């Protein structure tokens, strides 16, 4: 029974992963329709077509592989004389269509975040409620009632920010900024207790924070602040990859992502099926926010790369010839495929080597 439940949870995770990509394309589709751009095909799934129904100018299709979907717009990747083509519309409309996918992913993360918070009876805050004996933070000058606003230079707006900041901090020289009676005080640097997690030394909190009872406004507020926290986490992690702070073993591709979803499901199942579903939802939130943020970066082959060309066109009133833009995106796509191949091979090697 445990194996069947685990398999069911992995299947749920894979389908949700496909739904994330589908929801991304849905953003493009809805904004394209609103901008009066012809959509030739809107597909749920990838691969061979199973079913197709044409309504108006658009064919709605169901394809074999449940790993996303696509929105094929007229004139998106080629020149077209159709007045309803993508390239025929004003720049501002095309910008809205291009950014819609990433924005929809982040909005999906916001919605799912709210769903995971509703069952919680209390929420953690960033205000200190008490210290255990021998607390390094207390010895550094913190007091009960202080609100932590920065941890090791990382701005703290929620307990999620604080958790991430602790994971990234150097335990041997921590600096903490607290707010006390309207004034901000910088404490440290000082050392804090730490433990090894995944080969990295992570600060162990030596303080407790005040709880806050659940309320409608509390759920709404935290849905927003937690999604912002996750967005900041993605950007900070990307910065760590570029600067070399994180290595290849700390990056996961599709294979690694499914493995992590499986591990999260198994860990949750040790407590309850509901906990397992909650763990999967947390992973899906991270993935959808990740996809939304990364897709909007100004990189070739991504929506952010297209956005960069559109901004250039808006500023100069002169579009980059589609041929040259196509070369840039094609080169970016090849590099992206190469990167994904390396990450996927590393994912597979990591599974076999543990």
C-alpha atoms as a PDB file:
ATOM      1  CA  UNK A   1       0.000   0.000   0.000  1.00  0.00           C
ATOM      2  CA  UNK A   2       2.835   2.393   0.911  1.00  0.00           C
ATOM      3  CA  UNK A   3       4.480   1.750  -2.484  1.00  0.00           C
ATOM      4  CA  UNK A   4       1.206   2.394  -4.337  1.00  0.00           C
ATOM      5  CA  UNK A   5       0.645   5.640  -2.417  1.00  0.00           C
ATOM      6  CA  UNK A   6       4.200   6.722  -3.171  1.00  0.00           C
ATOM      7  CA  UNK A   7       3.765   5.929  -6.880  1.00  0.00           C
ATOM      8  CA  UNK A   8       0.476   7.840  -6.914  1.00  0.00           C
ATOM      9  CA  UNK A   9       2.148  10.855  -5.324  1.00  0.00           C
ATOM     10  CA  UNK A  10       4.994  10.791  -7.864  1.00  0.00           C
ATOM     11  CA  UNK A  11       2.411  10.643 -10.677  1.00  0.00           C
ATOM     12  CA  UNK A  12       0.601  13.595  -9.100  1.00  0.00           C
ATOM     13  CA  UNK A  13       3.900  15.463  -8.950  1.00  0.00           C
ATOM     14  CA  UNK A  14       4.687  14.793 -12.623  1.00  0.00           C
ATOM     15  CA  UNK A  15       1.206  15.871 -13.708  1.00  0.00           C
ATOM     16  CA  UNK A  16       1.451  19.021 -11.614  1.00  0.00           C
ATOM     17  CA  UNK A  17       4.838  19.723 -13.184  1.00  0.00           C
ATOM     18  CA  UNK A  18       3.188  19.456 -16.615  1.00  0.00           C
ATOM     19  CA  UNK A  19       0.364  21.712 -15.406  1.00  0.00           C
ATOM     20  CA  UNK A  20       2.904  24.388 -14.438  1.00  0.00           C
ATOM     21  CA  UNK A  21       4.176  24.564 -18.021  1.00  0.00           C
ATOM     22  CA  UNK A  22       0.617  24.414 -19.373  1.00  0.00           C
ATOM     23  CA  UNK A  23      -0.392  27.299 -17.090  1.00  0.00           C
ATOM     24  CA  UNK A  24       2.575  29.274 -18.432  1.00  0.00           C
ATOM     25  CA  UNK A  25       1.337  28.814 -21.985  1.00  0.00           C
ATOM     26  CA  UNK A  26      -2.198  29.660 -20.869  1.00  0.00           C
ATOM     27  CA  UNK A  27      -0.909  33.090 -19.853  1.00  0.00           C
ATOM     28  CA  UNK A  28       0.449  33.665 -23.361  1.00  0.00           C
ATOM     29  CA  UNK A  29      -2.801  32.373 -24.876  1.00  0.00           C
ATOM     30  CA  UNK A  30      -5.191  34.558 -22.881  1.00  0.00           C
ATOM     31  CA  UNK A  31      -3.156  37.723 -23.421  1.00  0.00           C
ATOM     32  CA  UNK A  32      -2.759  36.915 -27.134  1.00  0.00           C
ATOM     33  CA  UNK A  33      -6.530  36.595 -27.473  1.00  0.00           C
ATOM     34  CA  UNK A  34      -7.027  39.853 -25.562  1.00  0.00           C
ATOM     35  CA  UNK A  35      -4.517  41.560 -27.891  1.00  0.00           C
ATOM     36  CA  UNK A  36      -6.383  40.263 -30.993  1.00  0.00           C
ATOM     37  CA  UNK A  37      -3.433  38.097 -32.053  1.00  0.00           C
ATOM     38  CA  UNK A  38      -4.270  35.001 -34.079  1.00  0.00           C
ATOM     39  CA  UNK A  39      -3.505  31.787 -32.164  1.00  0.00           C
ATOM     40  CA  UNK A  40      -3.234  28.911 -34.643  1.00  0.00           C
ATOM     41  CA  UNK A  41      -3.019  26.157 -32.033  1.00  0.00           C
ATOM     42  CA  UNK A  42      -3.290  25.882 -28.287  1.00  0.00           C
ATOM     43  CA  UNK A  43      -2.200  22.490 -27.010  1.00  0.00           C
ATOM     44  CA  UNK A  44      -2.476  20.649 -23.741  1.00  0.00           C
ATOM     45  CA  UNK A  45       0.462  18.262 -23.661  1.00  0.00           C
ATOM     46  CA  UNK A  46       3.294  17.646 -26.103  1.00  0.00           C
ATOM     47  CA  UNK A  47       4.154  15.022 -28.706  1.00  0.00           C
ATOM     48  CA  UNK A  48       1.738  13.262 -31.087  1.00  0.00           C
ATOM     49  CA  UNK A  49      -1.747  14.754 -31.341  1.00  0.00           C
ATOM     50  CA  UNK A  50      -4.541  12.652 -29.866  1.00  0.00           C
ATOM     51  CA  UNK A  51      -7.537  14.949 -30.313  1.00  0.00           C
ATOM     52  CA  UNK A  52      -8.175  18.272 -31.978  1.00  0.00           C
ATOM     53  CA  UNK A  53     -11.143  20.614 -32.113  1.00  0.00           C
ATOM     54  CA  UNK A  54     -11.198  23.842 -34.085  1.00  0.00           C
ATOM     55  CA  UNK A  55     -13.115  26.791 -32.670  1.00  0.00           C
ATOM     56  CA  UNK A  56     -12.883  29.939 -34.742  1.00  0.00           C
ATOM     57  CA  UNK A  57      -9.289  30.558 -35.800  1.00  0.00           C
ATOM     58  CA  UNK A  58      -7.737  28.312 -33.144  1.00  0.00           C
ATOM     59  CA  UNK A  59      -7.326  24.543 -33.018  1.00  0.00           C
ATOM     60  CA  UNK A  60      -7.430  23.213 -29.441  1.00  0.00           C
ATOM     61  CA  UNK A  61      -5.486  19.962 -29.202  1.00  0.00           C
ATOM     62  CA  UNK A  62      -4.743  17.235 -26.682  1.00  0.00           C
ATOM     63  CA  UNK A  63      -1.342  15.591 -27.127  1.00  0.00           C
ATOM     64  CA  UNK A  64       0.118  12.368 -25.828  1.00  0.00           C
ATOM     65  CA  UNK A  65       2.718  13.515 -23.302  1.00  0.00           C
ATOM     66  CA  UNK A  66       1.311  15.334 -20.218  1.00  0.00           C
ATOM     67  CA  UNK A  67       4.376  17.558 -19.863  1.00  0.00           C
ATOM     68  CA  UNK A  68       3.055  21.024 -20.585  1.00  0.00           C
ATOM     69  CA  UNK A  69       1.642  22.544 -23.748  1.00  0.00           C
ATOM     70  CA  UNK A  70       2.221  25.337 -26.245  1.00  0.00           C
ATOM     71  CA  UNK A  71       0.600  28.386 -27.766  1.00  0.00           C
ATOM     72  CA  UNK A  72       1.403  28.790 -31.488  1.00  0.00           C
ATOM     73  CA  UNK A  73       0.758  32.399 -32.544  1.00  0.00           C
ATOM     74  CA  UNK A  74       0.658  33.596 -36.141  1.00  0.00           C
ATOM     75  CA  UNK A  75       3.885  35.389 -37.083  1.00  0.00           C
ATOM     76  CA  UNK A  76       5.596  34.716 -33.764  1.00  0.00           C
ATOM     77  CA  UNK A  77       8.726  33.169 -35.261  1.00  0.00           C
ATOM     78  CA  UNK A  78       8.351  34.144 -38.900  1.00  0.00           C
ATOM     79  CA  UNK A  79       7.208  37.088 -40.997  1.00  0.00           C
ATOM     80  CA  UNK A  80       3.485  37.231 -41.755  1.00  0.00           C
ATOM     81  CA  UNK A  81       1.306  39.693 -43.608  1.00  0.00           C
ATOM     82  CA  UNK A  82      -1.743  38.781 -41.545  1.00  0.00           C
ATOM     83  CA  UNK A  83      -3.026  41.886 -39.680  1.00  0.00           C
ATOM     84  CA  UNK A  84      -3.709  39.571 -36.715  1.00  0.00           C
ATOM     85  CA  UNK A  85      -0.091  38.343 -36.649  1.00  0.00           C
ATOM     86  CA  UNK A  86       2.071  38.789 -33.569  1.00  0.00           C
ATOM     87  CA  UNK A  87       4.476  41.169 -35.341  1.00  0.00           C
ATOM     88  CA  UNK A  88       1.620  43.351 -36.628  1.00  0.00           C
ATOM     89  CA  UNK A  89       0.545  44.469 -33.165  1.00  0.00           C
ATOM     90  CA  UNK A  90       1.890  47.457 -31.189  1.00  0.00           C
ATOM     91  CA  UNK A  91       5.019  46.804 -29.139  1.00  0.00           C
ATOM     92  CA  UNK A  92       3.258  47.277 -25.794  1.00  0.00           C
ATOM     93  CA  UNK A  93       0.721  44.569 -26.640  1.00  0.00           C
ATOM     94  CA  UNK A  94       3.450  42.138 -27.648  1.00  0.00           C
ATOM     95  CA  UNK A  95       5.327  42.892 -24.421  1.00  0.00           C
ATOM     96  CA  UNK A  96       2.242  42.010 -22.386  1.00  0.00           C
ATOM     97  CA  UNK A  97       1.826  38.733 -24.276  1.00  0.00           C
ATOM     98  CA  UNK A  98       5.498  37.792 -23.820  1.00  0.00           C
ATOM     99  CA  UNK A  99       5.635  38.484 -20.064  1.00  0.00           C
ATOM    100  CA  UNK A 100       2.237  36.865 -19.401  1.00  0.00           C
ATOM    101  CA  UNK A 101       3.666  33.333 -19.176  1.00  0.00           C
ATOM    102  CA  UNK A 102       6.144  34.126 -16.425  1.00  0.00           C
ATOM    103  CA  UNK A 103       3.649  36.323 -14.573  1.00  0.00           C
ATOM    104  CA  UNK A 104       1.051  33.533 -14.672  1.00  0.00           C
ATOM    105  CA  UNK A 105       3.597  31.120 -13.165  1.00  0.00           C
ATOM    106  CA  UNK A 106       4.263  33.491 -10.282  1.00  0.00           C
ATOM    107  CA  UNK A 107       0.513  34.067  -9.790  1.00  0.00           C
ATOM    108  CA  UNK A 108       0.020  30.287  -9.704  1.00  0.00           C
ATOM    109  CA  UNK A 109       2.651  30.106  -6.986  1.00  0.00           C
ATOM    110  CA  UNK A 110       0.791  32.818  -5.070  1.00  0.00           C
ATOM    111  CA  UNK A 111      -2.497  30.905  -5.319  1.00  0.00           C
ATOM    112  CA  UNK A 112      -0.978  27.564  -4.278  1.00  0.00           C
ATOM    113  CA  UNK A 113       0.874  29.272  -1.444  1.00  0.00           C
ATOM    114  CA  UNK A 114      -2.467  30.492  -0.085  1.00  0.00           C
ATOM    115  CA  UNK A 115      -3.895  26.962  -0.279  1.00  0.00           C
ATOM    116  CA  UNK A 116      -0.999  25.561   1.755  1.00  0.00           C
ATOM    117  CA  UNK A 117      -1.385  28.274   4.409  1.00  0.00           C
ATOM    118  CA  UNK A 118      -5.137  27.945   4.988  1.00  0.00           C
ATOM    119  CA  UNK A 119      -4.881  24.740   7.122  1.00  0.00           C
ATOM    120  CA  UNK A 120      -2.257  26.271   9.434  1.00  0.00           C
ATOM    121  CA  UNK A 121      -3.542  27.477  12.801  1.00  0.00           C
ATOM    122  CA  UNK A 122      -0.640  29.831  13.533  1.00  0.00           C
ATOM    123  CA  UNK A 123       2.123  31.565  11.609  1.00  0.00           C
ATOM    124  CA  UNK A 124       5.674  32.374  12.596  1.00  0.00           C
ATOM    125  CA  UNK A 125       6.734  36.018  12.789  1.00  0.00           C
ATOM    126  CA  UNK A 126      10.177  37.647  12.873  1.00  0.00           C
ATOM    127  CA  UNK A 127       9.743  39.040  16.404  1.00  0.00           C
ATOM    128  CA  UNK A 128      11.795  37.324  19.123  1.00  0.00           C
ATOM    129  CA  UNK A 129       9.728  35.789  21.951  1.00  0.00           C
ATOM    130  CA  UNK A 130      12.428  34.101  24.072  1.00  0.00           C
ATOM    131  CA  UNK A 131      15.942  32.671  24.114  1.00  0.00           C
ATOM    132  CA  UNK A 132      17.227  29.279  25.248  1.00  0.00           C
ATOM    133  CA  UNK A 133      20.065  29.252  27.763  1.00  0.00           C
ATOM    134  CA  UNK A 134      23.407  30.156  26.201  1.00  0.00           C
ATOM    135  CA  UNK A 135      21.941  31.899  23.146  1.00  0.00           C
ATOM    136  CA  UNK A 136      24.641  33.575  21.057  1.00  0.00           C
ATOM    137  CA  UNK A 137      22.118  36.040  19.633  1.00  0.00           C
ATOM    138  CA  UNK A 138      21.091  37.133  23.140  1.00  0.00           C
ATOM    139  CA  UNK A 139      24.742  37.452  24.161  1.00  0.00           C
ATOM    140  CA  UNK A 140      25.280  39.695  21.105  1.00  0.00           C
ATOM    141  CA  UNK A 141      22.682  42.117  22.455  1.00  0.00           C
ATOM    142  CA  UNK A 142      19.298  40.967  21.118  1.00  0.00           C
ATOM    143  CA  UNK A 143      16.289  41.267  23.441  1.00  0.00           C
ATOM    144  CA  UNK A 144      12.815  39.736  23.673  1.00  0.00           C
ATOM    145  CA  UNK A 145      10.476  41.884  21.556  1.00  0.00           C
ATOM    146  CA  UNK A 146      13.132  42.759  18.975  1.00  0.00           C
ATOM    147  CA  UNK A 147      12.108  42.276  15.348  1.00  0.00           C
ATOM    148  CA  UNK A 148      14.771  40.859  13.023  1.00  0.00           C
ATOM    149  CA  UNK A 149      14.967  42.990   9.865  1.00  0.00           C
ATOM    150  CA  UNK A 150      18.248  41.719   8.431  1.00  0.00           C
ATOM    151  CA  UNK A 151      20.297  38.548   8.870  1.00  0.00           C
ATOM    152  CA  UNK A 152      23.872  38.528   7.608  1.00  0.00           C
ATOM    153  CA  UNK A 153      23.052  41.383   5.226  1.00  0.00           C
ATOM    154  CA  UNK A 154      19.970  39.701   3.750  1.00  0.00           C
ATOM    155  CA  UNK A 155      16.787  41.773   4.250  1.00  0.00           C
ATOM    156  CA  UNK A 156      14.159  39.898   6.276  1.00  0.00           C
ATOM    157  CA  UNK A 157      10.463  40.578   5.654  1.00  0.00           C
ATOM    158  CA  UNK A 158       9.094  37.185   6.713  1.00  0.00           C
ATOM    159  CA  UNK A 159      10.175  34.025   8.507  1.00  0.00           C
ATOM    160  CA  UNK A 160      10.840  32.441   5.087  1.00  0.00           C
ATOM    161  CA  UNK A 161      13.415  35.165   4.377  1.00  0.00           C
ATOM    162  CA  UNK A 162      14.960  34.490   7.768  1.00  0.00           C
ATOM    163  CA  UNK A 163      15.208  30.729   7.132  1.00  0.00           C
ATOM    164  CA  UNK A 164      16.903  31.297   3.768  1.00  0.00           C
ATOM    165  CA  UNK A 165      19.270  33.896   5.224  1.00  0.00           C
ATOM    166  CA  UNK A 166      20.321  31.445   7.948  1.00  0.00           C
ATOM    167  CA  UNK A 167      20.982  28.757   5.352  1.00  0.00           C
ATOM    168  CA  UNK A 168      23.244  31.142   3.403  1.00  0.00           C
ATOM    169  CA  UNK A 169      24.987  32.849   6.363  1.00  0.00           C
ATOM    170  CA  UNK A 170      28.544  32.201   7.502  1.00  0.00           C
ATOM    171  CA  UNK A 171      28.050  30.739  11.020  1.00  0.00           C
ATOM    172  CA  UNK A 172      31.438  32.061  12.179  1.00  0.00           C
ATOM    173  CA  UNK A 173      30.702  35.744  11.551  1.00  0.00           C
ATOM    174  CA  UNK A 174      26.992  36.478  11.643  1.00  0.00           C
ATOM    175  CA  UNK A 175      25.582  40.011  11.705  1.00  0.00           C
ATOM    176  CA  UNK A 176      21.956  40.634  12.661  1.00  0.00           C
ATOM    177  CA  UNK A 177      20.011  43.891  12.466  1.00  0.00           C
ATOM    178  CA  UNK A 178      17.013  44.210  14.787  1.00  0.00           C
ATOM    179  CA  UNK A 179      14.351  46.868  15.217  1.00  0.00           C
ATOM    180  CA  UNK A 180      13.720  47.930  18.820  1.00  0.00           C
ATOM    181  CA  UNK A 181      11.273  50.703  19.741  1.00  0.00           C
ATOM    182  CA  UNK A 182      11.520  52.235  16.271  1.00  0.00           C
ATOM    183  CA  UNK A 183      15.319  52.138  16.126  1.00  0.00           C
ATOM    184  CA  UNK A 184      17.528  49.745  14.188  1.00  0.00           C
ATOM    185  CA  UNK A 185      20.507  48.171  15.904  1.00  0.00           C
ATOM    186  CA  UNK A 186      23.241  46.156  14.202  1.00  0.00           C
ATOM    187  CA  UNK A 187      24.568  43.252  16.265  1.00  0.00           C
ATOM    188  CA  UNK A 188      27.774  41.383  15.549  1.00  0.00           C
ATOM    189  CA  UNK A 189      29.667  39.943  13.917  1.00  0.00           C
ATOM    190  CA  UNK A 190      29.514  36.907  16.193  1.00  0.00           C
ATOM    191  CA  UNK A 191      29.496  33.130  15.807  1.00  0.00           C
ATOM    192  CA  UNK A 192      26.392  30.936  16.101  1.00  0.00           C
ATOM    193  CA  UNK A 193      25.909  27.209  16.492  1.00  0.00           C
ATOM    194  CA  UNK A 194      25.589  25.373  13.200  1.00  0.00           C
ATOM    195  CA  UNK A 195      25.020  21.975  11.678  1.00  0.00           C
ATOM    196  CA  UNK A 196      25.959  20.340   8.386  1.00  0.00           C
ATOM    197  CA  UNK A 197      23.147  20.086   5.857  1.00  0.00           C
ATOM    198  CA  UNK A 198      23.934  18.709   2.406  1.00  0.00           C
ATOM    199  CA  UNK A 199      27.630  19.373   2.856  1.00  0.00           C
ATOM    200  CA  UNK A 200      27.028  22.999   3.882  1.00  0.00           C
ATOM    201  CA  UNK A 201      27.344  24.527   7.370  1.00  0.00           C
ATOM    202  CA  UNK A 202      23.967  26.020   8.243  1.00  0.00           C
ATOM    203  CA  UNK A 203      23.191  28.282  11.207  1.00  0.00           C
ATOM    204  CA  UNK A 204      21.090  26.677  13.942  1.00  0.00           C
ATOM    205  CA  UNK A 205      18.593  29.211  15.330  1.00  0.00           C
ATOM    206  CA  UNK A 206      19.087  29.865  19.030  1.00  0.00           C
ATOM    207  CA  UNK A 207      15.950  31.921  19.575  1.00  0.00           C
ATOM    208  CA  UNK A 208      12.179  31.555  19.352  1.00  0.00           C
ATOM    209  CA  UNK A 209       9.751  33.860  17.543  1.00  0.00           C
ATOM    210  CA  UNK A 210       6.264  34.989  18.441  1.00  0.00           C
ATOM    211  CA  UNK A 211       3.376  33.109  16.801  1.00  0.00           C
ATOM    212  CA  UNK A 212       0.484  34.848  15.091  1.00  0.00           C
ATOM    213  CA  UNK A 213      -3.029  33.399  14.955  1.00  0.00           C
ATOM    214  CA  UNK A 214      -4.418  32.567  11.514  1.00  0.00           C
ATOM    215  CA  UNK A 215      -6.749  35.124   9.944  1.00  0.00           C
ATOM    216  CA  UNK A 216      -7.981  35.893   6.444  1.00  0.00           C
ATOM    217  CA  UNK A 217      -5.727  38.942   6.186  1.00  0.00           C
ATOM    218  CA  UNK A 218      -2.834  36.937   7.636  1.00  0.00           C
ATOM    219  CA  UNK A 219      -3.197  34.239   4.969  1.00  0.00           C
ATOM    220  CA  UNK A 220      -3.467  36.871   2.203  1.00  0.00           C
ATOM    221  CA  UNK A 221      -0.453  38.794   3.496  1.00  0.00           C
ATOM    222  CA  UNK A 222       1.738  35.724   3.899  1.00  0.00           C
ATOM    223  CA  UNK A 223       0.730  34.315   0.518  1.00  0.00           C
ATOM    224  CA  UNK A 224       2.210  37.494  -0.950  1.00  0.00           C
ATOM    225  CA  UNK A 225       5.279  37.826   1.299  1.00  0.00           C
ATOM    226  CA  UNK A 226       6.147  34.113   1.002  1.00  0.00           C
ATOM    227  CA  UNK A 227       5.891  34.257  -2.800  1.00  0.00           C
ATOM    228  CA  UNK A 228       8.106  37.347  -2.817  1.00  0.00           C
ATOM    229  CA  UNK A 229      10.505  35.503  -0.487  1.00  0.00           C
ATOM    230  CA  UNK A 230      10.644  32.586  -2.909  1.00  0.00           C
ATOM    231  CA  UNK A 231      11.231  34.941  -5.857  1.00  0.00           C
ATOM    232  CA  UNK A 232      14.121  36.560  -3.987  1.00  0.00           C
ATOM    233  CA  UNK A 233      15.437  33.099  -3.137  1.00  0.00           C
ATOM    234  CA  UNK A 234      15.474  32.139  -6.832  1.00  0.00           C
ATOM    235  CA  UNK A 235      17.347  35.325  -7.803  1.00  0.00           C
ATOM    236  CA  UNK A 236      19.848  34.922  -4.961  1.00  0.00           C
ATOM    237  CA  UNK A 237      20.412  31.272  -5.920  1.00  0.00           C
ATOM    238  CA  UNK A 238      21.006  32.238  -9.561  1.00  0.00           C
ATOM    239  CA  UNK A 239      23.490  34.824  -8.350  1.00  0.00           C
ATOM    240  CA  UNK A 240      25.211  32.060  -6.360  1.00  0.00           C
ATOM    241  CA  UNK A 241      25.425  29.859  -9.472  1.00  0.00           C
ATOM    242  CA  UNK A 242      26.951  32.680 -11.558  1.00  0.00           C
ATOM    243  CA  UNK A 243      29.489  33.597  -8.856  1.00  0.00           C
ATOM    244  CA  UNK A 244      30.423  29.976  -8.245  1.00  0.00           C
ATOM    245  CA  UNK A 245      29.005  29.799  -4.730  1.00  0.00           C
ATOM    246  CA  UNK A 246      26.846  26.844  -5.798  1.00  0.00           C
ATOM    247  CA  UNK A 247      28.229  23.953  -7.806  1.00  0.00           C
ATOM    248  CA  UNK A 248      26.689  21.635 -10.392  1.00  0.00           C
ATOM    249  CA  UNK A 249      25.672  19.142  -7.686  1.00  0.00           C
ATOM    250  CA  UNK A 250      23.372  21.786  -6.205  1.00  0.00           C
ATOM    251  CA  UNK A 251      21.435  22.270  -9.458  1.00  0.00           C
ATOM    252  CA  UNK A 252      18.580  19.970 -10.497  1.00  0.00           C
ATOM    253  CA  UNK A 253      17.035  19.418 -13.919  1.00  0.00           C
ATOM    254  CA  UNK A 254      13.787  17.586 -14.788  1.00  0.00           C
ATOM    255  CA  UNK A 255      15.105  14.191 -13.608  1.00  0.00           C
ATOM    256  CA  UNK A 256      16.439  15.649 -10.383  1.00  0.00           C
ATOM    257  CA  UNK A 257      13.212  17.562  -9.845  1.00  0.00           C
ATOM    258  CA  UNK A 258      11.116  14.388 -10.097  1.00  0.00           C
ATOM    259  CA  UNK A 259      13.520  12.723  -7.664  1.00  0.00           C
ATOM    260  CA  UNK A 260      13.142  15.588  -5.181  1.00  0.00           C
ATOM    261  CA  UNK A 261       9.347  15.475  -5.534  1.00  0.00           C
ATOM    262  CA  UNK A 262       9.532  11.729  -4.836  1.00  0.00           C
ATOM    263  CA  UNK A 263      11.690  12.299  -1.754  1.00  0.00           C
ATOM    264  CA  UNK A 264       9.335  15.019  -0.498  1.00  0.00           C
ATOM    265  CA  UNK A 265       6.384  12.663  -0.985  1.00  0.00           C
ATOM    266  CA  UNK A 266       8.119   9.814   0.869  1.00  0.00           C
ATOM    267  CA  UNK A 267       9.075  12.102   3.747  1.00  0.00           C
ATOM    268  CA  UNK A 268       5.480  13.312   4.024  1.00  0.00           C
ATOM    269  CA  UNK A 269       4.074   9.790   3.854  1.00  0.00           C
ATOM    270  CA  UNK A 270       5.963   8.905   7.025  1.00  0.00           C
ATOM    271  CA  UNK A 271       3.507  11.252   8.767  1.00  0.00           C
ATOM    272  CA  UNK A 272       0.346  11.256   6.642  1.00  0.00           C
ATOM    273  CA  UNK A 273      -0.964  11.392   3.075  1.00  0.00           C
ATOM    274  CA  UNK A 274      -2.045  15.002   3.673  1.00  0.00           C
ATOM    275  CA  UNK A 275       1.498  15.923   4.730  1.00  0.00           C
ATOM    276  CA  UNK A 276       2.874  14.279   1.580  1.00  0.00           C
ATOM    277  CA  UNK A 277       0.510  16.292  -0.627  1.00  0.00           C
ATOM    278  CA  UNK A 278       1.530  19.435   1.267  1.00  0.00           C
ATOM    279  CA  UNK A 279       5.215  18.674   0.636  1.00  0.00           C
ATOM    280  CA  UNK A 280       4.541  18.175  -3.079  1.00  0.00           C
ATOM    281  CA  UNK A 281       2.637  21.471  -3.235  1.00  0.00           C
ATOM    282  CA  UNK A 282       5.596  23.263  -1.639  1.00  0.00           C
ATOM    283  CA  UNK A 283       7.875  21.781  -4.309  1.00  0.00           C
ATOM    284  CA  UNK A 284       5.449  22.761  -7.068  1.00  0.00           C
ATOM    285  CA  UNK A 285       5.303  26.328  -5.710  1.00  0.00           C
ATOM    286  CA  UNK A 286       9.092  26.513  -5.806  1.00  0.00           C
ATOM    287  CA  UNK A 287       9.173  25.136  -9.358  1.00  0.00           C
ATOM    288  CA  UNK A 288       6.479  27.441 -10.755  1.00  0.00           C
ATOM    289  CA  UNK A 289       8.027  30.554  -9.182  1.00  0.00           C
ATOM    290  CA  UNK A 290      11.432  29.378 -10.410  1.00  0.00           C
ATOM    291  CA  UNK A 291      10.111  28.953 -13.941  1.00  0.00           C
ATOM    292  CA  UNK A 292       8.364  32.325 -13.869  1.00  0.00           C
ATOM    293  CA  UNK A 293      11.432  34.222 -12.670  1.00  0.00           C
ATOM    294  CA  UNK A 294      14.017  32.438 -14.839  1.00  0.00           C
ATOM    295  CA  UNK A 295      11.841  32.711 -17.951  1.00  0.00           C
ATOM    296  CA  UNK A 296      11.732  36.492 -17.594  1.00  0.00           C
ATOM    297  CA  UNK A 297      15.520  36.846 -17.418  1.00  0.00           C
ATOM    298  CA  UNK A 298      17.009  38.603 -20.488  1.00  0.00           C
ATOM    299  CA  UNK A 299      18.479  35.424 -21.977  1.00  0.00           C
ATOM    300  CA  UNK A 300      18.191  34.202 -25.592  1.00  0.00           C
ATOM    301  CA  UNK A 301      15.496  31.578 -26.278  1.00  0.00           C
ATOM    302  CA  UNK A 302      13.570  32.623 -23.149  1.00  0.00           C
ATOM    303  CA  UNK A 303      10.657  35.056 -22.918  1.00  0.00           C
ATOM    304  CA  UNK A 304      13.009  37.541 -21.257  1.00  0.00           C
ATOM    305  CA  UNK A 305      15.214  37.471 -24.361  1.00  0.00           C
ATOM    306  CA  UNK A 306      12.218  38.238 -26.566  1.00  0.00           C
ATOM    307  CA  UNK A 307      11.252  40.994 -24.146  1.00  0.00           C
ATOM    308  CA  UNK A 308      14.694  42.565 -24.542  1.00  0.00           C
ATOM    309  CA  UNK A 309      14.258  42.768 -28.328  1.00  0.00           C
ATOM    310  CA  UNK A 310      10.786  44.276 -27.901  1.00  0.00           C
ATOM    311  CA  UNK A 311      12.097  46.906 -25.481  1.00  0.00           C
ATOM    312  CA  UNK A 312      14.802  47.763 -28.010  1.00  0.00           C
ATOM    313  CA  UNK A 313      12.143  48.109 -30.697  1.00  0.00           C
ATOM    314  CA  UNK A 314      10.038  50.317 -28.429  1.00  0.00           C
ATOM    315  CA  UNK A 315      12.981  52.613 -27.667  1.00  0.00           C
ATOM    316  CA  UNK A 316      14.414  52.878 -31.196  1.00  0.00           C
ATOM    317  CA  UNK A 317      11.136  52.557 -33.140  1.00  0.00           C
ATOM    318  CA  UNK A 318      13.016  50.099 -35.334  1.00  0.00           C
ATOM    319  CA  UNK A 319      12.626  46.311 -34.892  1.00  0.00           C
ATOM    320  CA  UNK A 320      15.590  43.982 -35.099  1.00  0.00           C
ATOM    321  CA  UNK A 321      15.243  41.993 -38.355  1.00  0.00           C
ATOM    322  CA  UNK A 322      13.476  38.698 -37.533  1.00  0.00           C
ATOM    323  CA  UNK A 323      16.288  36.780 -39.238  1.00  0.00           C
ATOM    324  CA  UNK A 324      18.935  38.064 -36.808  1.00  0.00           C
ATOM    325  CA  UNK A 325      16.697  37.750 -33.781  1.00  0.00           C
ATOM    326  CA  UNK A 326      16.047  34.164 -34.858  1.00  0.00           C
ATOM    327  CA  UNK A 327      19.801  33.484 -34.989  1.00  0.00           C
ATOM    328  CA  UNK A 328      20.219  34.771 -31.422  1.00  0.00           C
ATOM    329  CA  UNK A 329      17.330  32.681 -30.070  1.00  0.00           C
ATOM    330  CA  UNK A 330      18.482  29.599 -31.986  1.00  0.00           C
ATOM    331  CA  UNK A 331      21.993  29.911 -30.535  1.00  0.00           C
ATOM    332  CA  UNK A 332      20.530  30.425 -27.080  1.00  0.00           C
ATOM    333  CA  UNK A 333      18.287  27.399 -27.515  1.00  0.00           C
ATOM    334  CA  UNK A 334      21.238  25.187 -28.486  1.00  0.00           C
ATOM    335  CA  UNK A 335      23.192  26.369 -25.436  1.00  0.00           C
ATOM    336  CA  UNK A 336      20.123  25.817 -23.243  1.00  0.00           C
ATOM    337  CA  UNK A 337      19.724  22.260 -24.564  1.00  0.00           C
ATOM    338  CA  UNK A 338      23.409  21.606 -23.914  1.00  0.00           C
ATOM    339  CA  UNK A 339      23.109  22.904 -20.349  1.00  0.00           C
ATOM    340  CA  UNK A 340      20.003  20.792 -19.750  1.00  0.00           C
ATOM    341  CA  UNK A 341      21.796  17.713 -21.114  1.00  0.00           C
ATOM    342  CA  UNK A 342      24.714  18.248 -18.702  1.00  0.00           C
ATOM    343  CA  UNK A 343      22.372  18.833 -15.741  1.00  0.00           C
ATOM    344  CA  UNK A 344      20.243  15.788 -16.644  1.00  0.00           C
ATOM    345  CA  UNK A 345      23.313  13.534 -16.895  1.00  0.00           C
ATOM    346  CA  UNK A 346      24.453  14.872 -13.533  1.00  0.00           C
ATOM    347  CA  UNK A 347      20.973  14.166 -12.098  1.00  0.00           C
ATOM    348  CA  UNK A 348      21.162  10.557 -13.320  1.00  0.00           C
ATOM    349  CA  UNK A 349      24.714  10.109 -11.979  1.00  0.00           C
ATOM    350  CA  UNK A 350      23.628  11.546  -8.621  1.00  0.00           C
ATOM    351  CA  UNK A 351      20.757   9.016  -8.392  1.00  0.00           C
ATOM    352  CA  UNK A 352      23.147   6.080  -8.951  1.00  0.00           C
ATOM    353  CA  UNK A 353      25.894   7.416  -6.675  1.00  0.00           C
ATOM    354  CA  UNK A 354      23.552   8.637  -3.922  1.00  0.00           C
END
